[in-house]
Every structure is written in C-alpha cells, then in structure tokens.
Amino acid sequence: MLDTTTEWGRLVERRLREEEVIWLTTVRRDGQPQPIPVWFLWDGETILIYSRPDQQKVRNIRHNPKVSLHFNTDEYGDSVVRIDGVAEIVPDAPPVTEVPEMIEKYRDGIRRIGSDPESFARDYSVAIRVVPQRFYGW
C-alpha cells in the first residue's frame, strides 16, 4: 500500500522505521476522538503497539477498530503524514520481550520511565496491530 518508489513514500517509510512516537487516534463510544502518543514498531506492512490493558484506546478499538495515526510535523508545519487503518487486539501476540526489534528500539525509553523490559512487558501486555488502509500527506 505504501509506494516506496516515490520520494514521499520513502520519507514515510523512513519515519515509520526511525520515529520513536506516533499519535494513535481512536474513537470513544460517544464519538469523541482520543489521540494519544504511543511507541510502535513498523514491520513493513503493519504497525505494532503495546498497551496497558486498562487503557481507553483498548476499549475504543474493541468497539470501533477504525483508527488514524500521524507523526508530529516539522517546525514549519510540513512533513505531514497521516495513516488511516484498522486496528485489532492480538490476544495471542508474544510479549514485548519476545519482539527484539521493539526492545532494541525502546531500550533507553523503557529505562527513562523507570522500568525494565520484563516489567514493561507485564505492564504493557496488550498487543495492538494496525493494518494501514491509506496514507496521506505532503
């Protein structure tokens, strides 16, 4: 779905691989959008996110799997990337400690929040997989 033969597609691919935070927007039952910054891993086709089980985003996705994601823009308001997709809670996903790419990407961040990989895996035990449906931006 992401055309990496274009300059913009390559920019999006780079940001998906290198950015530490992406904003995930889910929708509450009352229709209120809920944007929240999350850590994520791009595998070339889908976006993997781990969450605490009691979070609003998990409840929102169970009710309505349609989501949007976006990155912060650059300082001029350019480099806009928005991704619309469908999210699913993955009950049989491995714990984050068994996803070495995720642990490597966020090792320092996990330490910054006063945790370690094992504790992080216990706390963030719900895996969410987003399948992008459409990419927007400039």
N, C-alpha and C. Protein backbone atom coordinates (compact mmCIF):
# COMPACT_ATOMS: atom_id res chain seq x y z
N MET A 1 0.81 -1.19 0.00
CA MET A 1 0.00 0.00 0.00
C MET A 1 0.86 1.26 0.00
N LEU A 2 1.99 1.26 0.68
CA LEU A 2 2.90 2.41 0.68
C LEU A 2 3.83 2.29 -0.51
N ASP A 3 3.81 3.28 -1.39
CA ASP A 3 4.62 3.26 -2.61
C ASP A 3 6.00 3.85 -2.32
N THR A 4 6.95 2.98 -2.05
CA THR A 4 8.30 3.45 -1.72
C THR A 4 9.14 3.75 -2.96
N THR A 5 8.52 3.74 -4.14
CA THR A 5 9.24 4.16 -5.34
C THR A 5 9.19 5.68 -5.48
N THR A 6 8.36 6.34 -4.67
CA THR A 6 8.28 7.80 -4.72
C THR A 6 9.09 8.40 -3.57
N GLU A 7 9.48 9.65 -3.73
CA GLU A 7 10.23 10.34 -2.67
C GLU A 7 9.41 10.41 -1.39
N TRP A 8 8.12 10.75 -1.53
CA TRP A 8 7.26 10.85 -0.35
C TRP A 8 7.11 9.48 0.32
N GLY A 9 6.93 8.44 -0.46
CA GLY A 9 6.81 7.09 0.09
C GLY A 9 8.05 6.68 0.86
N ARG A 10 9.22 7.03 0.33
CA ARG A 10 10.48 6.72 1.04
C ARG A 10 10.59 7.52 2.34
N LEU A 11 10.13 8.77 2.32
CA LEU A 11 10.13 9.59 3.53
C LEU A 11 9.23 8.95 4.60
N VAL A 12 8.05 8.52 4.20
CA VAL A 12 7.13 7.88 5.15
C VAL A 12 7.74 6.60 5.69
N GLU A 13 8.31 5.79 4.83
CA GLU A 13 8.96 4.54 5.26
C GLU A 13 10.07 4.83 6.27
N ARG A 14 10.88 5.84 6.00
CA ARG A 14 11.96 6.21 6.92
C ARG A 14 11.39 6.63 8.27
N ARG A 15 10.36 7.45 8.25
CA ARG A 15 9.77 7.91 9.51
C ARG A 15 9.15 6.74 10.27
N LEU A 16 8.51 5.83 9.57
CA LEU A 16 7.93 4.66 10.23
C LEU A 16 9.01 3.79 10.88
N ARG A 17 10.18 3.76 10.29
CA ARG A 17 11.26 2.96 10.87
C ARG A 17 12.01 3.70 11.98
N GLU A 18 12.13 5.02 11.87
CA GLU A 18 13.03 5.77 12.76
C GLU A 18 12.34 6.57 13.87
N GLU A 19 11.14 7.06 13.64
CA GLU A 19 10.48 7.88 14.66
C GLU A 19 10.21 7.03 15.90
N GLU A 20 10.29 7.67 17.07
CA GLU A 20 10.02 6.95 18.31
C GLU A 20 8.55 7.01 18.71
N VAL A 21 7.86 8.07 18.30
CA VAL A 21 6.47 8.26 18.73
C VAL A 21 5.59 8.50 17.51
N ILE A 22 4.43 7.88 17.54
CA ILE A 22 3.38 8.15 16.56
C ILE A 22 2.10 8.40 17.36
N TRP A 23 1.25 9.28 16.86
CA TRP A 23 -0.01 9.57 17.54
C TRP A 23 -1.07 8.61 17.01
N LEU A 24 -1.72 7.89 17.92
CA LEU A 24 -2.80 6.97 17.59
C LEU A 24 -4.11 7.63 18.01
N THR A 25 -5.04 7.74 17.06
CA THR A 25 -6.35 8.30 17.38
C THR A 25 -7.39 7.20 17.25
N THR A 26 -8.07 6.94 18.36
CA THR A 26 -9.20 6.02 18.40
C THR A 26 -10.44 6.86 18.72
N VAL A 27 -11.61 6.21 18.71
CA VAL A 27 -12.85 6.95 18.95
C VAL A 27 -13.64 6.28 20.06
N ARG A 28 -14.00 7.08 21.06
CA ARG A 28 -14.81 6.57 22.17
C ARG A 28 -16.23 6.27 21.69
N ARG A 29 -16.96 5.53 22.50
CA ARG A 29 -18.35 5.19 22.17
C ARG A 29 -19.22 6.42 21.95
N ASP A 30 -18.91 7.52 22.65
CA ASP A 30 -19.72 8.74 22.49
C ASP A 30 -19.30 9.56 21.28
N GLY A 31 -18.35 9.04 20.48
CA GLY A 31 -17.91 9.71 19.27
C GLY A 31 -16.73 10.64 19.44
N GLN A 32 -16.26 10.81 20.66
CA GLN A 32 -15.13 11.71 20.92
C GLN A 32 -13.81 11.06 20.47
N PRO A 33 -13.07 11.69 19.56
CA PRO A 33 -11.75 11.18 19.18
C PRO A 33 -10.79 11.24 20.36
N GLN A 34 -9.91 10.27 20.45
CA GLN A 34 -8.94 10.17 21.54
C GLN A 34 -7.53 10.01 20.96
N PRO A 35 -6.84 11.11 20.67
CA PRO A 35 -5.44 10.99 20.20
C PRO A 35 -4.51 10.77 21.38
N ILE A 36 -3.53 9.90 21.20
CA ILE A 36 -2.56 9.64 22.27
C ILE A 36 -1.22 9.23 21.63
N PRO A 37 -0.11 9.74 22.14
CA PRO A 37 1.19 9.32 21.60
C PRO A 37 1.53 7.91 22.09
N VAL A 38 2.05 7.10 21.18
CA VAL A 38 2.40 5.72 21.52
C VAL A 38 3.75 5.34 20.91
N TRP A 39 4.39 4.35 21.52
CA TRP A 39 5.56 3.71 20.92
C TRP A 39 5.04 2.65 19.96
N PHE A 40 5.81 2.38 18.92
CA PHE A 40 5.32 1.48 17.87
C PHE A 40 6.49 0.82 17.14
N LEU A 41 6.15 -0.22 16.40
CA LEU A 41 7.12 -0.89 15.54
C LEU A 41 6.48 -1.13 14.19
N TRP A 42 7.15 -0.69 13.15
CA TRP A 42 6.72 -0.90 11.76
C TRP A 42 7.44 -2.13 11.23
N ASP A 43 6.70 -3.10 10.70
CA ASP A 43 7.34 -4.31 10.17
C ASP A 43 7.37 -4.33 8.64
N GLY A 44 7.03 -3.21 8.03
CA GLY A 44 7.00 -3.12 6.58
C GLY A 44 5.58 -3.22 6.03
N GLU A 45 4.66 -3.73 6.85
CA GLU A 45 3.27 -3.86 6.43
C GLU A 45 2.27 -3.41 7.49
N THR A 46 2.61 -3.63 8.75
CA THR A 46 1.69 -3.29 9.84
C THR A 46 2.44 -2.54 10.94
N ILE A 47 1.67 -1.93 11.82
CA ILE A 47 2.21 -1.19 12.95
C ILE A 47 1.81 -1.93 14.23
N LEU A 48 2.80 -2.25 15.04
CA LEU A 48 2.58 -2.97 16.29
C LEU A 48 2.74 -2.00 17.46
N ILE A 49 1.77 -2.03 18.36
CA ILE A 49 1.75 -1.16 19.54
C ILE A 49 1.44 -2.04 20.74
N TYR A 50 2.09 -1.79 21.86
CA TYR A 50 1.74 -2.48 23.10
C TYR A 50 1.11 -1.47 24.05
N SER A 51 0.10 -1.92 24.79
CA SER A 51 -0.65 -1.03 25.68
C SER A 51 -0.90 -1.70 27.02
N ARG A 52 -1.16 -0.86 28.00
CA ARG A 52 -1.69 -1.38 29.27
C ARG A 52 -3.12 -1.84 28.99
N PRO A 53 -3.56 -2.92 29.61
CA PRO A 53 -4.90 -3.45 29.30
C PRO A 53 -6.05 -2.54 29.70
N ASP A 54 -5.86 -1.67 30.67
CA ASP A 54 -6.96 -0.84 31.17
C ASP A 54 -7.10 0.50 30.44
N GLN A 55 -6.39 0.69 29.36
CA GLN A 55 -6.39 1.98 28.68
C GLN A 55 -7.61 2.18 27.79
N GLN A 56 -8.02 3.45 27.67
CA GLN A 56 -9.17 3.81 26.86
C GLN A 56 -8.99 3.37 25.41
N LYS A 57 -7.79 3.47 24.88
CA LYS A 57 -7.58 3.10 23.47
C LYS A 57 -7.93 1.64 23.22
N VAL A 58 -7.67 0.77 24.20
CA VAL A 58 -8.00 -0.65 24.05
C VAL A 58 -9.52 -0.82 23.99
N ARG A 59 -10.23 -0.17 24.89
CA ARG A 59 -11.71 -0.23 24.87
C ARG A 59 -12.25 0.35 23.57
N ASN A 60 -11.67 1.45 23.13
CA ASN A 60 -12.14 2.08 21.89
C ASN A 60 -11.97 1.15 20.70
N ILE A 61 -10.82 0.50 20.60
CA ILE A 61 -10.55 -0.39 19.46
C ILE A 61 -11.49 -1.59 19.48
N ARG A 62 -11.77 -2.12 20.66
CA ARG A 62 -12.71 -3.24 20.74
C ARG A 62 -14.09 -2.84 20.21
N HIS A 63 -14.47 -1.60 20.44
CA HIS A 63 -15.77 -1.10 19.99
C HIS A 63 -15.75 -0.65 18.52
N ASN A 64 -14.66 -0.01 18.11
CA ASN A 64 -14.54 0.54 16.75
C ASN A 64 -13.09 0.42 16.31
N PRO A 65 -12.78 -0.51 15.42
CA PRO A 65 -11.39 -0.74 15.04
C PRO A 65 -10.79 0.28 14.07
N LYS A 66 -11.57 1.22 13.59
CA LYS A 66 -11.04 2.23 12.67
C LYS A 66 -10.20 3.23 13.46
N VAL A 67 -8.97 3.45 13.00
CA VAL A 67 -8.05 4.35 13.69
C VAL A 67 -7.33 5.23 12.67
N SER A 68 -6.74 6.29 13.17
CA SER A 68 -5.81 7.11 12.39
C SER A 68 -4.54 7.27 13.20
N LEU A 69 -3.44 7.39 12.50
CA LEU A 69 -2.16 7.65 13.14
C LEU A 69 -1.51 8.81 12.42
N HIS A 70 -0.69 9.56 13.14
CA HIS A 70 0.07 10.63 12.49
C HIS A 70 1.32 10.94 13.28
N PHE A 71 2.29 11.51 12.58
CA PHE A 71 3.52 11.98 13.21
C PHE A 71 3.41 13.47 13.46
N ASN A 72 4.22 13.98 14.38
CA ASN A 72 4.35 15.43 14.51
C ASN A 72 4.92 15.98 13.21
N THR A 73 4.55 17.20 12.87
CA THR A 73 5.12 17.84 11.68
C THR A 73 6.49 18.39 12.02
N ASP A 74 7.18 18.90 11.00
CA ASP A 74 8.44 19.59 11.27
C ASP A 74 8.11 20.98 11.83
N GLU A 75 9.14 21.77 12.11
CA GLU A 75 8.92 23.07 12.76
C GLU A 75 8.15 24.06 11.90
N TYR A 76 8.00 23.77 10.60
CA TYR A 76 7.28 24.66 9.69
C TYR A 76 5.86 24.17 9.40
N GLY A 77 5.46 23.07 10.03
CA GLY A 77 4.15 22.50 9.77
C GLY A 77 4.11 21.63 8.54
N ASP A 78 5.29 21.30 8.01
CA ASP A 78 5.38 20.43 6.84
C ASP A 78 5.70 19.01 7.28
N SER A 79 5.96 18.16 6.32
CA SER A 79 6.26 16.75 6.56
C SER A 79 5.08 16.07 7.26
N VAL A 80 3.91 16.32 6.70
CA VAL A 80 2.67 15.76 7.25
C VAL A 80 2.52 14.32 6.80
N VAL A 81 2.25 13.43 7.75
CA VAL A 81 1.96 12.03 7.45
C VAL A 81 0.78 11.61 8.30
N ARG A 82 -0.28 11.16 7.64
CA ARG A 82 -1.44 10.59 8.34
C ARG A 82 -1.71 9.23 7.74
N ILE A 83 -2.03 8.28 8.60
CA ILE A 83 -2.29 6.91 8.17
C ILE A 83 -3.66 6.52 8.72
N ASP A 84 -4.57 6.13 7.84
CA ASP A 84 -5.84 5.57 8.29
C ASP A 84 -5.73 4.06 8.21
N GLY A 85 -6.28 3.38 9.19
CA GLY A 85 -6.17 1.94 9.20
C GLY A 85 -7.19 1.27 10.09
N VAL A 86 -7.03 -0.04 10.20
CA VAL A 86 -7.89 -0.87 11.03
C VAL A 86 -7.01 -1.53 12.07
N ALA A 87 -7.42 -1.39 13.33
CA ALA A 87 -6.65 -1.95 14.45
C ALA A 87 -7.33 -3.21 14.96
N GLU A 88 -6.51 -4.10 15.49
CA GLU A 88 -7.06 -5.27 16.16
C GLU A 88 -6.25 -5.54 17.41
N ILE A 89 -6.93 -6.03 18.43
CA ILE A 89 -6.26 -6.51 19.62
C ILE A 89 -5.81 -7.93 19.29
N VAL A 90 -4.54 -8.23 19.52
CA VAL A 90 -3.97 -9.53 19.14
C VAL A 90 -3.78 -10.36 20.41
N PRO A 91 -4.74 -11.23 20.74
CA PRO A 91 -4.68 -11.95 22.01
C PRO A 91 -3.52 -12.94 22.13
N ASP A 92 -3.08 -13.48 21.01
CA ASP A 92 -2.01 -14.48 21.06
C ASP A 92 -0.64 -13.91 20.66
N ALA A 93 -0.51 -12.60 20.70
CA ALA A 93 0.77 -11.97 20.35
C ALA A 93 1.82 -12.29 21.42
N PRO A 94 3.07 -12.38 21.01
CA PRO A 94 4.12 -12.60 22.01
C PRO A 94 4.28 -11.38 22.90
N PRO A 95 4.76 -11.56 24.12
CA PRO A 95 5.05 -10.38 24.94
C PRO A 95 6.13 -9.55 24.28
N VAL A 96 6.18 -8.29 24.63
CA VAL A 96 7.14 -7.37 24.00
C VAL A 96 8.58 -7.86 24.18
N THR A 97 8.87 -8.60 25.24
CA THR A 97 10.22 -9.12 25.44
C THR A 97 10.61 -10.13 24.36
N GLU A 98 9.64 -10.66 23.64
CA GLU A 98 9.92 -11.60 22.55
C GLU A 98 9.88 -10.92 21.18
N VAL A 99 9.90 -9.60 21.19
CA VAL A 99 9.96 -8.81 19.95
C VAL A 99 11.25 -7.99 20.04
N PRO A 100 12.38 -8.60 19.68
CA PRO A 100 13.68 -7.94 19.90
C PRO A 100 13.80 -6.57 19.25
N GLU A 101 13.18 -6.38 18.10
CA GLU A 101 13.26 -5.08 17.43
C GLU A 101 12.60 -3.98 18.27
N MET A 102 11.52 -4.32 18.95
CA MET A 102 10.82 -3.34 19.80
C MET A 102 11.66 -3.03 21.03
N ILE A 103 12.22 -4.06 21.65
CA ILE A 103 13.05 -3.85 22.84
C ILE A 103 14.27 -3.01 22.48
N GLU A 104 14.89 -3.31 21.35
CA GLU A 104 16.07 -2.55 20.93
C GLU A 104 15.71 -1.08 20.68
N LYS A 105 14.60 -0.87 20.00
CA LYS A 105 14.17 0.50 19.66
C LYS A 105 13.88 1.32 20.92
N TYR A 106 13.31 0.70 21.94
CA TYR A 106 12.85 1.44 23.12
C TYR A 106 13.61 1.13 24.41
N ARG A 107 14.75 0.49 24.30
CA ARG A 107 15.53 0.15 25.49
C ARG A 107 15.78 1.38 26.37
N ASP A 108 16.25 2.47 25.76
CA ASP A 108 16.52 3.70 26.53
C ASP A 108 15.23 4.31 27.08
N GLY A 109 14.18 4.29 26.29
CA GLY A 109 12.90 4.83 26.73
C GLY A 109 12.32 4.05 27.90
N ILE A 110 12.46 2.75 27.86
CA ILE A 110 11.98 1.91 28.96
C ILE A 110 12.73 2.26 30.23
N ARG A 111 14.04 2.48 30.11
CA ARG A 111 14.83 2.90 31.28
C ARG A 111 14.40 4.28 31.77
N ARG A 112 14.14 5.20 30.83
CA ARG A 112 13.74 6.57 31.20
C ARG A 112 12.45 6.59 32.02
N ILE A 113 11.55 5.64 31.77
CA ILE A 113 10.31 5.62 32.54
C ILE A 113 10.45 4.78 33.81
N GLY A 114 11.70 4.40 34.13
CA GLY A 114 11.96 3.69 35.37
C GLY A 114 11.57 2.23 35.34
N SER A 115 11.65 1.63 34.16
CA SER A 115 11.24 0.24 34.02
C SER A 115 12.37 -0.58 33.43
N ASP A 116 12.10 -1.84 33.22
CA ASP A 116 13.00 -2.76 32.53
C ASP A 116 12.13 -3.58 31.57
N PRO A 117 12.73 -4.28 30.61
CA PRO A 117 11.91 -4.99 29.62
C PRO A 117 10.88 -5.95 30.22
N GLU A 118 11.24 -6.68 31.26
CA GLU A 118 10.31 -7.64 31.84
C GLU A 118 9.12 -6.94 32.50
N SER A 119 9.39 -5.89 33.27
CA SER A 119 8.31 -5.13 33.90
C SER A 119 7.45 -4.44 32.85
N PHE A 120 8.10 -3.89 31.83
CA PHE A 120 7.36 -3.24 30.76
C PHE A 120 6.42 -4.24 30.09
N ALA A 121 6.90 -5.46 29.84
CA ALA A 121 6.08 -6.49 29.20
C ALA A 121 4.87 -6.85 30.07
N ARG A 122 5.06 -6.90 31.37
CA ARG A 122 3.94 -7.19 32.27
C ARG A 122 2.92 -6.04 32.26
N ASP A 123 3.42 -4.81 32.29
CA ASP A 123 2.52 -3.65 32.33
C ASP A 123 1.83 -3.40 30.99
N TYR A 124 2.57 -3.54 29.91
CA TYR A 124 2.06 -3.28 28.56
C TYR A 124 1.83 -4.63 27.88
N SER A 125 0.81 -5.32 28.33
CA SER A 125 0.59 -6.72 27.93
C SER A 125 -0.38 -6.90 26.77
N VAL A 126 -0.99 -5.82 26.30
CA VAL A 126 -1.96 -5.93 25.21
C VAL A 126 -1.30 -5.46 23.91
N ALA A 127 -1.27 -6.37 22.94
CA ALA A 127 -0.72 -6.04 21.62
C ALA A 127 -1.84 -5.54 20.71
N ILE A 128 -1.54 -4.46 20.02
CA ILE A 128 -2.47 -3.88 19.04
C ILE A 128 -1.74 -3.87 17.71
N ARG A 129 -2.37 -4.42 16.69
CA ARG A 129 -1.78 -4.39 15.35
C ARG A 129 -2.68 -3.53 14.46
N VAL A 130 -2.05 -2.56 13.79
CA VAL A 130 -2.78 -1.68 12.88
C VAL A 130 -2.37 -2.03 11.45
N VAL A 131 -3.37 -2.30 10.63
CA VAL A 131 -3.15 -2.53 9.20
C VAL A 131 -3.50 -1.23 8.48
N PRO A 132 -2.50 -0.55 7.92
CA PRO A 132 -2.79 0.69 7.20
C PRO A 132 -3.67 0.45 5.98
N GLN A 133 -4.64 1.31 5.80
CA GLN A 133 -5.52 1.26 4.63
C GLN A 133 -5.19 2.36 3.63
N ARG A 134 -4.73 3.51 4.16
CA ARG A 134 -4.43 4.64 3.29
C ARG A 134 -3.44 5.57 3.97
N PHE A 135 -2.52 6.09 3.16
CA PHE A 135 -1.51 7.05 3.62
C PHE A 135 -1.82 8.40 3.00
N TYR A 136 -1.73 9.46 3.81
CA TYR A 136 -1.95 10.83 3.34
C TYR A 136 -0.76 11.68 3.74
N GLY A 137 -0.53 12.75 3.03
CA GLY A 137 0.48 13.69 3.48
C GLY A 137 1.10 14.51 2.37
N TRP A 138 2.04 15.33 2.82
CA TRP A 138 2.82 16.17 1.91
C TRP A 138 4.09 16.59 2.60
